[in-house]
Amino acid sequence: MSAEQSNFYDVVVIGGGVVGCAVLRELSRFRLKILLLEREADLAEGISKANSGVIHAGFNVPPGTLKAEMNVKGLFDIYELAQQLSVPHKKTGKLVVALDDDGKERLIALKAQGEKNSTPDLEIIGQERIKALEPLAAGKWALWSPHTGIISPYQFTVALAECAWQNGASVRLESPVTSISTNGHGFTLQIPDAEIKTRWVVNSAGLFSDIVASLAGIDGYRIFPYRGEYLITDKDDELNLRLPIYPVPPKDGPGLGVHITPTMEHNILLGPSADAIDDKRDTASTRRIMTQLKREAYDLMPELRKLSFIHSYAGIRPKLVDPAGNIKFKDFVIEESAAKPGWINLIGIESPGLTAAPAIAKRIVQMIGAKEDLSEKSDFNPGRPELPRFAELDDQQRTRLVAENPDWGEMVCRCETVTRAEVAHAIDNPLNVHALDAIKRRSRCGMGRCQGGFCTPRIVEILRQKGYSDIELTKRGGQSRLFYGKIKE
């Protein structure tokens, strides 16, 4: 195969967040040559890594919109998909609580909105039922949503891409698109080390989807970044929060209010905030917002005061709503460009984008399939090999694994109970990513209370033993090197 042939694809997906990876996996069902381009050194490095991980039921979005349609359709797909891919998830249910009678009417309106969206089994409940469902929740009234859940957003993103890879898709990391040209037969994308030709492009570049569209000569879109800050608690072994607790959402605010969400690993998230900012890469945490998160969260769950916090972080929402304007809502953009046939834009895909991702992926396939015949593979593998999580095994299972492979008996991360075998598996991932943050997302090393203080030197040593030189070791790829030289030989 010539170099020109090897760089020609049927479909190129730009952006390695949860939506882009879901599109890639859905396309990998068909006999197509497909490629995902991601500007960062790993997947889920943008919006997706700072997602709160809530599977939304669909009552928070206006009826008749693409957001509502994709949300509810995605709700019915995502649990089965997560199960197939062996991604940690749980249908927990959710409470949206009103602290007094004034909020009850808003809950009733949310319920009615959800029912118009076909969100199933919503109920307005009182204080006694609230305490039965979640003893830690304060509130006089609540909207109960039994089909809401939680999931690991970054593990879900990685799993989608790895499933696509095992079904023949290609992924290029650290490959920002720098220029785009078009002709009558498709598109030519320039990346730092190659020229890529393709018949179709799916622009799923998140915060930068407006810029990518403009590179193709498609103007008129503008993404406004809104920063959402979070606090994360130490392990919730004492309180054992069962489900997400949300406040009555503000009528005109850009978010849903500060909420309290359990994670699959038994930490608790407080947040996010929702503040318009100028810089799409400004993920700083601020003292003002940290104080606000605690104040609002303590009203919903007073017992939170007992817990300590181990980390703060922030993510950016890609909104189409200008903070200086009067318009408070704009819908997802999911459309093929009329001026550039074969170019599909996914722009302004914010919450509930995680839940909607499987449905958006199916919609993209339908759009392409309406213009050409798609031949489905008979050997498509929808799953992904599951690796045991040592922290979740009983003593008998642990003993068996250690007997088979002593690396299961060497603890690398004490906070998260991660073994050398799990770290080695994370390093040997199909996409050949070995930055510390990539290993963290795949193994949970560094996510505990010491934030990598114990495990980082041990991970470095394993990487060296696998043949990586010090100059190759980075925190998150690029120039984020861990070492710049030696103090002594």
Protein backbone atom coordinates (compact mmCIF):
# COMPACT_ATOMS: atom_id res chain seq x y z
CA MET A 1 0.00 0.00 0.00
CA SER A 2 1.39 3.41 -0.96
CA ALA A 3 1.73 6.23 1.57
CA GLU A 4 -1.09 8.07 -0.21
CA GLN A 5 -3.39 5.04 0.01
CA SER A 6 -2.55 4.43 3.66
CA ASN A 7 -3.56 8.00 4.53
CA PHE A 8 -6.94 7.82 2.78
CA TYR A 9 -9.99 7.12 4.94
CA ASP A 10 -13.72 6.81 4.48
CA VAL A 11 -14.45 8.74 7.70
CA VAL A 12 -12.23 10.82 9.98
CA VAL A 13 -13.49 11.80 13.45
CA ILE A 14 -11.82 14.88 14.92
CA GLY A 15 -11.84 14.83 18.73
CA GLY A 16 -11.20 12.06 21.25
CA GLY A 17 -13.79 12.90 23.89
CA VAL A 18 -16.68 10.66 24.83
CA VAL A 19 -18.83 11.69 21.85
CA GLY A 20 -16.05 11.33 19.29
CA CYS A 21 -15.08 7.92 20.66
CA ALA A 22 -18.72 6.79 20.69
CA VAL A 23 -18.99 7.81 17.02
CA LEU A 24 -15.77 5.94 16.22
CA ARG A 25 -17.05 2.75 17.89
CA GLU A 26 -20.42 2.90 16.14
CA LEU A 27 -18.73 3.41 12.77
CA SER A 28 -16.43 0.44 13.46
CA ARG A 29 -19.47 -1.83 13.05
CA PHE A 30 -19.23 -1.24 9.30
CA ARG A 31 -16.77 -2.01 6.54
CA LEU A 32 -15.22 1.43 6.56
CA LYS A 33 -11.67 2.68 6.94
CA ILE A 34 -11.95 5.08 9.85
CA LEU A 35 -9.59 7.26 11.88
CA LEU A 36 -9.85 9.39 15.01
CA LEU A 37 -7.56 12.42 15.36
CA GLU A 38 -6.94 13.84 18.85
CA ARG A 39 -4.76 16.89 19.53
CA GLU A 40 -3.78 15.80 23.07
CA ALA A 41 -1.58 12.89 24.16
CA ASP A 42 -4.52 10.81 25.35
CA LEU A 43 -8.27 10.48 25.01
CA ALA A 44 -10.67 12.28 27.37
CA GLU A 45 -8.16 15.07 27.99
CA GLY A 46 -10.70 17.84 27.40
CA ILE A 47 -14.34 18.12 28.46
CA SER A 48 -14.78 14.41 29.15
CA LYS A 49 -12.19 13.98 31.90
CA ALA A 50 -13.87 16.61 34.10
CA ASN A 51 -17.40 15.31 33.64
CA SER A 52 -19.32 14.57 36.85
CA GLY A 53 -20.15 11.12 35.50
CA VAL A 54 -23.93 11.36 35.90
CA ILE A 55 -26.18 9.41 33.51
CA HIS A 56 -29.01 11.91 33.06
CA ALA A 57 -32.63 10.80 32.70
CA GLY A 58 -33.74 13.69 30.48
CA PHE A 59 -35.98 16.00 32.53
CA ASN A 60 -33.62 19.00 32.63
CA VAL A 61 -33.74 19.79 28.90
CA PRO A 62 -36.50 21.58 26.95
CA PRO A 63 -39.00 19.32 25.11
CA GLY A 64 -38.78 19.13 21.36
CA THR A 65 -35.02 19.75 21.25
CA LEU A 66 -32.18 17.57 20.00
CA LYS A 67 -30.78 17.63 23.52
CA ALA A 68 -33.94 16.06 24.88
CA GLU A 69 -34.19 13.49 22.09
CA MET A 70 -30.54 12.43 22.29
CA ASN A 71 -30.59 12.40 26.11
CA VAL A 72 -33.54 10.04 26.44
CA LYS A 73 -32.44 7.78 23.58
CA GLY A 74 -28.95 7.65 25.08
CA LEU A 75 -30.38 6.77 28.48
CA PHE A 76 -31.79 3.55 27.07
CA ASP A 77 -28.47 2.65 25.39
CA ILE A 78 -25.76 3.63 27.82
CA TYR A 79 -26.30 1.03 30.55
CA GLU A 80 -26.11 -1.89 28.11
CA LEU A 81 -23.14 -0.34 26.36
CA ALA A 82 -21.24 0.19 29.62
CA GLN A 83 -21.95 -3.43 30.55
CA GLN A 84 -20.61 -4.66 27.21
CA LEU A 85 -17.43 -2.61 27.63
CA SER A 86 -16.87 -3.59 31.30
CA VAL A 87 -16.97 0.06 32.40
CA PRO A 88 -17.83 0.77 36.07
CA HIS A 89 -21.39 2.14 36.28
CA LYS A 90 -24.50 1.90 38.44
CA LYS A 91 -28.16 2.85 38.15
CA THR A 92 -28.52 4.75 41.42
CA GLY A 93 -31.50 7.03 40.90
CA LYS A 94 -31.33 10.74 41.72
CA LEU A 95 -33.07 13.23 44.01
CA VAL A 96 -33.67 16.86 43.04
CA VAL A 97 -34.55 18.38 46.39
CA ALA A 98 -36.43 21.48 47.50
CA LEU A 99 -35.60 22.66 51.00
CA ASP A 100 -39.00 24.34 51.44
CA ASP A 101 -42.45 24.62 49.86
CA ASP A 102 -41.32 27.39 47.50
CA GLY A 103 -39.36 24.90 45.41
CA LYS A 104 -42.16 22.36 45.00
CA GLU A 105 -43.74 24.10 42.00
CA ARG A 106 -40.41 24.04 40.22
CA LEU A 107 -40.14 20.29 40.85
CA ILE A 108 -43.63 19.76 39.44
CA ALA A 109 -42.62 21.72 36.33
CA LEU A 110 -39.47 19.61 35.96
CA LYS A 111 -41.54 16.43 36.23
CA ALA A 112 -43.93 17.67 33.54
CA GLN A 113 -41.00 18.61 31.31
CA GLY A 114 -39.46 15.16 31.78
CA GLU A 115 -42.71 13.44 30.92
CA LYS A 116 -42.94 15.45 27.68
CA ASN A 117 -39.43 14.16 26.92
CA SER A 118 -40.54 10.56 27.65
CA THR A 119 -38.37 10.32 30.76
CA PRO A 120 -39.81 7.29 32.62
CA ASP A 121 -41.09 6.86 36.18
CA LEU A 122 -40.60 10.35 37.64
CA GLU A 123 -42.23 11.04 41.04
CA ILE A 124 -42.71 13.97 43.44
CA ILE A 125 -42.01 12.67 46.93
CA GLY A 126 -42.04 14.05 50.46
CA GLN A 127 -39.62 14.08 53.36
CA GLU A 128 -40.31 10.55 54.61
CA ARG A 129 -39.64 8.99 51.22
CA ILE A 130 -36.56 11.17 50.72
CA LYS A 131 -35.05 9.82 53.92
CA ALA A 132 -35.90 6.24 52.94
CA LEU A 133 -34.11 6.62 49.60
CA GLU A 134 -31.16 8.67 50.88
CA PRO A 135 -30.89 9.24 54.65
CA LEU A 136 -28.18 11.86 54.12
CA ALA A 137 -30.32 14.18 51.99
CA ALA A 138 -31.95 17.27 53.46
CA GLY A 139 -35.16 18.44 51.82
CA LYS A 140 -38.92 18.81 52.25
CA TRP A 141 -39.82 17.78 48.70
CA ALA A 142 -37.94 16.03 45.90
CA LEU A 143 -38.23 14.86 42.34
CA TRP A 144 -37.25 11.18 42.30
CA SER A 145 -35.66 9.91 39.06
CA PRO A 146 -35.06 6.15 39.39
CA HIS A 147 -33.23 5.72 36.05
CA THR A 148 -30.44 8.22 36.66
CA GLY A 149 -27.04 6.64 37.27
CA ILE A 150 -23.31 7.17 37.60
CA ILE A 151 -20.40 6.07 35.42
CA SER A 152 -16.67 6.64 35.11
CA PRO A 153 -16.58 9.13 32.20
CA TYR A 154 -12.91 8.79 31.30
CA GLN A 155 -12.95 4.99 31.51
CA PHE A 156 -16.05 4.98 29.32
CA THR A 157 -14.29 7.18 26.75
CA VAL A 158 -11.18 4.99 26.68
CA ALA A 159 -13.27 1.81 26.46
CA LEU A 160 -15.24 3.12 23.46
CA ALA A 161 -12.01 3.88 21.58
CA GLU A 162 -10.34 0.59 22.50
CA CYS A 163 -13.41 -1.32 21.31
CA ALA A 164 -13.30 0.60 18.01
CA TRP A 165 -9.57 -0.12 17.73
CA GLN A 166 -10.05 -3.86 18.16
CA ASN A 167 -12.65 -3.65 15.36
CA GLY A 168 -10.21 -2.07 12.94
CA ALA A 169 -10.39 1.67 13.65
CA SER A 170 -7.23 3.78 13.84
CA VAL A 171 -6.41 6.45 16.43
CA ARG A 172 -3.74 9.12 16.14
CA LEU A 173 -2.90 11.08 19.29
CA GLU A 174 -0.99 14.36 19.45
CA SER A 175 -2.37 15.08 15.99
CA PRO A 176 -3.99 18.51 15.89
CA VAL A 177 -5.56 19.47 12.57
CA THR A 178 -3.77 22.58 11.35
CA SER A 179 -5.42 23.14 7.97
CA ILE A 180 -8.24 21.72 5.87
CA SER A 181 -8.85 21.86 2.13
CA THR A 182 -11.76 20.52 0.14
CA ASN A 183 -12.40 19.31 -3.36
CA GLY A 184 -15.20 17.55 -5.12
CA HIS A 185 -14.26 14.19 -3.66
CA GLY A 186 -13.73 14.95 0.03
CA PHE A 187 -11.34 16.66 2.40
CA THR A 188 -7.60 16.90 3.00
CA LEU A 189 -6.58 17.38 6.63
CA GLN A 190 -3.09 18.50 7.54
CA ILE A 191 -1.65 17.22 10.83
CA PRO A 192 1.96 17.76 12.01
CA ASP A 193 3.41 14.59 10.46
CA ALA A 194 1.00 13.67 7.68
CA GLU A 195 -1.63 14.67 5.18
CA ILE A 196 -4.93 12.82 5.67
CA LYS A 197 -7.53 12.44 2.93
CA THR A 198 -11.10 11.41 3.67
CA ARG A 199 -14.57 11.33 2.15
CA TRP A 200 -16.37 12.21 5.42
CA VAL A 201 -15.38 14.28 8.47
CA VAL A 202 -17.16 14.24 11.83
CA ASN A 203 -16.15 17.37 13.74
CA SER A 204 -16.39 16.40 17.41
CA ALA A 205 -13.68 18.74 18.67
CA GLY A 206 -15.59 19.95 21.72
CA LEU A 207 -14.35 23.32 22.93
CA PHE A 208 -12.53 23.82 19.64
CA SER A 209 -15.25 22.56 17.30
CA ASP A 210 -15.99 26.12 16.15
CA ILE A 211 -12.33 26.62 15.21
CA VAL A 212 -12.14 23.28 13.40
CA ALA A 213 -15.29 24.16 11.46
CA SER A 214 -13.79 27.49 10.44
CA LEU A 215 -10.67 25.71 9.14
CA ALA A 216 -12.99 23.97 6.68
CA GLY A 217 -14.53 27.31 5.67
CA ILE A 218 -17.66 26.81 7.75
CA ASP A 219 -18.17 29.97 9.78
CA GLY A 220 -20.95 31.25 12.01
CA TYR A 221 -20.33 29.15 15.12
CA ARG A 222 -18.79 30.37 18.35
CA ILE A 223 -18.13 28.35 21.48
CA PHE A 224 -18.29 30.21 24.80
CA PRO A 225 -16.30 28.44 27.55
CA TYR A 226 -17.94 28.05 30.97
CA ARG A 227 -15.75 26.73 33.76
CA GLY A 228 -17.12 24.21 36.21
CA GLU A 229 -15.10 23.70 39.40
CA TYR A 230 -15.29 20.63 41.64
CA LEU A 231 -14.18 19.45 45.04
CA ILE A 232 -13.65 15.75 45.71
CA THR A 233 -13.79 14.13 49.13
CA ASP A 234 -11.77 11.31 50.57
CA LYS A 235 -13.34 7.85 50.33
CA ASP A 236 -16.94 7.85 51.56
CA ASP A 237 -16.67 4.67 53.66
CA GLU A 238 -18.41 6.26 56.64
CA LEU A 239 -21.29 8.11 55.01
CA ASN A 240 -21.90 5.85 52.00
CA LEU A 241 -23.87 8.27 49.84
CA ARG A 242 -26.18 6.14 47.70
CA LEU A 243 -27.18 8.49 44.91
CA PRO A 244 -26.73 12.00 43.42
CA ILE A 245 -28.45 14.87 45.24
CA TYR A 246 -29.28 17.97 43.20
CA PRO A 247 -30.85 21.27 44.26
CA VAL A 248 -33.81 22.81 42.49
CA PRO A 249 -32.05 24.23 39.41
CA PRO A 250 -31.90 28.00 38.99
CA LYS A 251 -34.42 29.29 36.45
CA ASP A 252 -31.99 31.41 34.46
CA GLY A 253 -28.59 30.04 35.43
CA PRO A 254 -26.13 28.38 33.02
CA GLY A 255 -25.99 25.14 35.05
CA LEU A 256 -28.05 22.90 37.31
CA GLY A 257 -26.71 24.24 40.57
CA VAL A 258 -24.07 22.72 42.83
CA HIS A 259 -24.85 19.05 43.28
CA ILE A 260 -23.46 16.16 45.29
CA THR A 261 -22.54 13.01 43.38
CA PRO A 262 -21.09 9.70 44.55
CA THR A 263 -18.46 8.16 42.30
CA MET A 264 -17.99 4.50 41.47
CA GLU A 265 -14.93 4.53 43.76
CA HIS A 266 -16.86 5.89 46.82
CA ASN A 267 -15.55 9.43 46.75
CA ILE A 268 -18.07 12.28 46.61
CA LEU A 269 -17.99 15.14 44.11
CA LEU A 270 -19.21 18.65 44.97
CA GLY A 271 -19.96 20.81 41.95
CA PRO A 272 -19.75 21.94 39.30
CA SER A 273 -20.01 25.69 39.32
CA ALA A 274 -20.79 27.47 36.04
CA ASP A 275 -18.83 30.62 35.26
CA ALA A 276 -18.22 32.22 31.87
CA ILE A 277 -14.49 32.67 31.20
CA ASP A 278 -12.36 33.92 28.31
CA ASP A 279 -9.71 31.19 28.00
CA LYS A 280 -10.79 27.72 26.83
CA ARG A 281 -7.84 26.20 28.66
CA ASP A 282 -8.28 27.98 31.99
CA THR A 283 -9.00 25.08 34.35
CA ALA A 284 -7.85 26.83 37.53
CA SER A 285 -9.56 26.22 40.87
CA THR A 286 -10.50 29.35 42.81
CA ARG A 287 -10.91 29.96 46.53
CA ARG A 288 -14.20 31.81 45.98
CA ILE A 289 -15.82 28.87 44.19
CA MET A 290 -14.41 26.30 46.63
CA THR A 291 -16.10 28.20 49.47
CA GLN A 292 -19.33 28.44 47.49
CA LEU A 293 -19.36 24.71 46.70
CA LYS A 294 -19.05 23.80 50.36
CA ARG A 295 -21.70 26.28 51.49
CA GLU A 296 -24.32 25.13 48.98
CA ALA A 297 -23.52 21.43 49.36
CA TYR A 298 -23.72 21.55 53.16
CA ASP A 299 -27.31 22.81 52.85
CA LEU A 300 -28.25 19.72 50.82
CA MET A 301 -26.25 17.26 52.90
CA PRO A 302 -25.14 18.53 56.33
CA GLU A 303 -23.17 15.34 57.06
CA LEU A 304 -20.62 16.38 54.43
CA ARG A 305 -18.96 18.53 57.08
CA LYS A 306 -17.46 15.32 58.52
CA LEU A 307 -15.45 14.56 55.37
CA SER A 308 -12.09 15.88 54.25
CA PHE A 309 -11.31 16.97 50.71
CA ILE A 310 -8.38 15.53 48.80
CA HIS A 311 -8.47 17.44 45.52
CA SER A 312 -10.06 20.22 43.48
CA TYR A 313 -10.25 20.44 39.71
CA ALA A 314 -12.19 22.11 36.92
CA GLY A 315 -13.59 21.38 33.48
CA ILE A 316 -14.89 23.60 30.69
CA ARG A 317 -18.34 23.40 29.11
CA PRO A 318 -18.59 24.27 25.38
CA LYS A 319 -21.69 26.44 25.36
CA LEU A 320 -23.23 28.20 22.37
CA VAL A 321 -24.91 30.73 24.68
CA ASP A 322 -23.25 34.15 24.79
CA PRO A 323 -23.01 35.15 28.47
CA ALA A 324 -23.52 38.79 27.44
CA GLY A 325 -26.80 38.08 25.63
CA ASN A 326 -30.39 37.42 26.62
CA ILE A 327 -30.73 33.94 25.10
CA LYS A 328 -30.42 31.28 27.82
CA PHE A 329 -30.64 28.09 25.75
CA LYS A 330 -29.19 26.83 22.49
CA ASP A 331 -29.59 23.31 21.19
CA PHE A 332 -27.01 20.74 20.13
CA VAL A 333 -25.74 21.25 16.58
CA ILE A 334 -25.75 17.88 14.78
CA GLU A 335 -25.81 18.55 11.07
CA GLU A 336 -24.12 18.00 7.75
CA SER A 337 -22.89 21.21 6.20
CA ALA A 338 -24.93 22.26 3.19
CA ALA A 339 -21.93 24.11 1.78
CA LYS A 340 -19.47 21.25 2.43
CA PRO A 341 -21.22 17.91 1.79
CA GLY A 342 -19.60 15.12 3.79
CA TRP A 343 -18.69 17.42 6.70
CA ILE A 344 -20.77 16.74 9.85
CA ASN A 345 -20.59 19.22 12.72
CA LEU A 346 -21.15 18.28 16.36
CA ILE A 347 -21.02 21.66 18.08
CA GLY A 348 -22.14 22.80 21.52
CA ILE A 349 -22.31 19.23 22.83
CA GLU A 350 -22.37 19.91 26.57
CA SER A 351 -24.38 18.22 29.33
CA PRO A 352 -26.13 15.80 28.80
CA GLY A 353 -23.53 14.92 26.16
CA LEU A 354 -22.14 11.93 28.08
CA THR A 355 -25.54 10.26 28.29
CA ALA A 356 -26.42 11.31 24.76
CA ALA A 357 -23.16 10.02 23.23
CA PRO A 358 -24.46 6.57 22.15
CA ALA A 359 -27.54 8.14 20.55
CA ILE A 360 -25.49 10.83 18.80
CA ALA A 361 -23.21 8.11 17.43
CA LYS A 362 -26.19 6.23 15.97
CA ARG A 363 -27.51 9.43 14.45
CA ILE A 364 -24.19 10.04 12.69
CA VAL A 365 -24.30 6.53 11.22
CA GLN A 366 -27.85 7.19 10.01
CA MET A 367 -26.74 10.44 8.36
CA ILE A 368 -23.90 8.71 6.50
CA GLY A 369 -26.06 5.68 5.75
CA ALA A 370 -28.70 7.90 4.11
CA LYS A 371 -26.15 8.81 1.43
CA GLU A 372 -24.29 5.55 0.89
CA ASP A 373 -24.69 1.85 1.51
CA LEU A 374 -23.07 0.73 4.75
CA SER A 375 -22.11 -2.92 5.00
CA GLU A 376 -22.14 -4.23 8.57
CA LYS A 377 -19.32 -6.52 9.70
CA SER A 378 -20.29 -10.06 10.63
CA ASP A 379 -17.39 -10.28 13.08
CA PHE A 380 -17.92 -7.00 14.96
CA ASN A 381 -16.98 -7.49 18.63
CA PRO A 382 -19.09 -5.18 20.84
CA GLY A 383 -17.18 -5.89 24.05
CA ARG A 384 -13.73 -5.48 25.50
CA PRO A 385 -11.63 -7.82 27.66
CA GLU A 386 -12.28 -7.21 31.35
CA LEU A 387 -9.37 -6.93 33.77
CA PRO A 388 -10.13 -7.72 37.41
CA ARG A 389 -10.01 -4.76 39.80
CA PHE A 390 -7.93 -5.98 42.74
CA ALA A 391 -9.57 -3.55 45.17
CA GLU A 392 -12.98 -5.14 44.51
CA LEU A 393 -11.98 -8.81 44.84
CA ASP A 394 -12.40 -11.03 47.88
CA ASP A 395 -9.44 -12.78 49.55
CA GLN A 396 -9.97 -16.05 47.67
CA GLN A 397 -9.97 -14.31 44.29
CA ARG A 398 -6.88 -12.30 45.23
CA THR A 399 -5.01 -15.40 46.34
CA ARG A 400 -5.77 -17.14 43.06
CA LEU A 401 -4.50 -14.19 40.99
CA VAL A 402 -1.29 -13.85 43.01
CA ALA A 403 -0.61 -17.58 42.60
CA GLU A 404 -0.97 -17.19 38.82
CA ASN A 405 1.10 -14.01 38.60
CA PRO A 406 3.16 -12.54 41.50
CA ASP A 407 2.67 -9.02 40.07
CA TRP A 408 -0.86 -9.15 41.49
CA GLY A 409 0.71 -9.30 44.94
CA GLU A 410 2.85 -6.15 44.65
CA MET A 411 1.02 -3.01 45.75
CA VAL A 412 1.88 0.09 43.70
CA CYS A 413 -0.88 2.43 44.91
CA ARG A 414 -1.89 2.00 48.55
CA CYS A 415 -4.71 4.57 48.52
CA GLU A 416 -6.58 2.90 45.66
CA THR A 417 -5.26 -0.66 46.16
CA VAL A 418 -3.73 -0.93 42.69
CA THR A 419 -1.24 -3.69 41.96
CA ARG A 420 1.77 -3.90 39.67
CA ALA A 421 -0.22 -6.18 37.33
CA GLU A 422 -2.88 -3.48 36.89
CA VAL A 423 -0.30 -0.77 36.27
CA ALA A 424 1.48 -2.94 33.70
CA HIS A 425 -1.83 -3.56 31.94
CA ALA A 426 -2.52 0.20 31.89
CA ILE A 427 0.91 0.92 30.40
CA ASP A 428 0.48 -1.81 27.75
CA ASN A 429 -2.75 -0.26 26.43
CA PRO A 430 -3.66 -0.65 22.73
CA LEU A 431 -3.10 3.05 21.99
CA ASN A 432 0.46 2.98 23.38
CA VAL A 433 -0.14 5.88 25.79
CA HIS A 434 2.19 5.94 28.78
CA ALA A 435 1.93 9.41 30.34
CA LEU A 436 1.22 9.41 34.09
CA ASP A 437 -2.27 10.86 33.61
CA ALA A 438 -3.09 8.16 31.05
CA ILE A 439 -2.00 5.46 33.48
CA LYS A 440 -4.02 7.16 36.21
CA ARG A 441 -7.22 7.11 34.14
CA ARG A 442 -6.76 3.44 33.30
CA SER A 443 -5.69 2.17 36.72
CA ARG A 444 -6.69 4.86 39.32
CA CYS A 445 -3.07 5.21 40.51
CA GLY A 446 -2.67 8.71 41.91
CA MET A 447 -6.37 9.34 42.52
CA GLY A 448 -6.30 8.61 46.25
CA ARG A 449 -5.68 10.78 49.28
CA CYS A 450 -1.91 11.10 48.76
CA GLN A 451 -2.48 12.17 45.11
CA GLY A 452 0.40 10.10 43.76
CA GLY A 453 2.91 10.70 46.53
CA PHE A 454 3.42 6.97 47.12
CA CYS A 455 2.79 5.46 43.68
CA THR A 456 4.48 7.90 41.28
CA PRO A 457 8.09 6.71 41.92
CA ARG A 458 6.91 3.10 41.57
CA ILE A 459 5.16 3.80 38.26
CA VAL A 460 8.30 5.55 36.98
CA GLU A 461 10.37 2.50 37.88
CA ILE A 462 7.95 0.17 36.05
CA LEU A 463 8.09 2.40 32.98
CA ARG A 464 11.89 2.31 33.05
CA GLN A 465 11.84 -1.47 33.34
CA LYS A 466 9.60 -1.59 30.28
CA GLY A 467 12.22 0.29 28.30
CA TYR A 468 11.03 3.89 28.47
CA SER A 469 13.79 6.46 28.93
CA ASP A 470 13.51 9.34 31.38
CA ILE A 471 13.14 11.82 28.52
CA GLU A 472 9.98 9.98 27.38
CA LEU A 473 8.27 10.21 30.77
CA THR A 474 5.63 12.93 30.99
CA LYS A 475 2.64 13.85 33.10
CA ARG A 476 0.25 14.38 30.19
CA GLY A 477 2.35 14.23 27.03
CA GLY A 478 3.86 17.10 25.10
CA GLN A 479 6.34 19.18 27.09
CA SER A 480 5.09 18.06 30.53
CA ARG A 481 8.28 16.11 31.18
CA LEU A 482 8.90 14.54 34.58
CA PHE A 483 12.70 14.75 34.31
CA TYR A 484 15.08 17.25 32.72
CA GLY A 485 18.37 15.81 33.88
CA LYS A 486 20.22 14.04 36.68
CA ILE A 487 21.60 15.60 39.83
CA LYS A 488 24.35 12.98 39.88
CA GLU A 489 25.37 9.94 37.86
